[in-house]
Amino acid sequence: MQNKLQELTEKLYKEGLSKGQSEAEEILTNAKTEAKKIIDDARQQAESIIDNANKSAAETKKNADAEITMVSRQVIAQVKQSVEALITAKAIASATNAAMNDVQFVQTLIKTAVESFKTDNQANSLSVLLPESKQKEFDTFINAAAIKQLNDGKLEFAFSKNIKSGFRIAAKNNGYYISFTEQDFLNLFSEYMRPKMQQLLFGQE
């Protein structure tokens, strides 16, 4: 009886031990499988993060390169424009200044302008605005009978501190004027010379 009991105990022990080992192996296998899955998922996530970071860095570099290129072109264009304006101004400023401060030359321009108004059938009185600093120099011209007859006695003269050289002429009743100041001629000549200056300096048409 005792031997049978001992055999039964040993049998149960062996079966339990075998089952325990089997379960332990299964748990270990599942743990290894799960661990591999976690590692694989983590590796994929890491690769995805790195790939996205590389794409983002490439896009940022592309945008930065485009911005640098655009700014560089703008700076070059501004420098070219500044050089062109400086050289153009030096080329024409001296001659323009001398001409517009030549009282006799300005008087000739005034006569031509007044005659042009008459040619265009302007019946309005004309007003000529001159530099206040040159009032004495224009007195003889203003008082001359010839200039008064140009517009049938409707020509008036005034002086302004705001005009440094040249003059402005206006048809009073129409509310507009035409300006012949030094700056006006500088702007006109600069615009005329710009294409030639660009071609000369930078080979541009």
Foldseek 3Di string as FASTA:
>chain_A
DVVVVVVVVVVVVVVVVVVVVVVVVVVVVVVVVVVVVVVVVVVVVVVVVVVVVVVVVVVVVVVVVVVVVVVVVVVVVVVVVVVLLVVLCVVCVVVLVVQQAPVVNLLVVVLVVLLVCVVVVQLAQKEKEAAPVCVVVCVVVVPDPVVCPSNPNSYYYYYDNVAPTHMKMDRVVVPDIDGDGSVVVSVVSSVVCVQVSCCVPPVHD
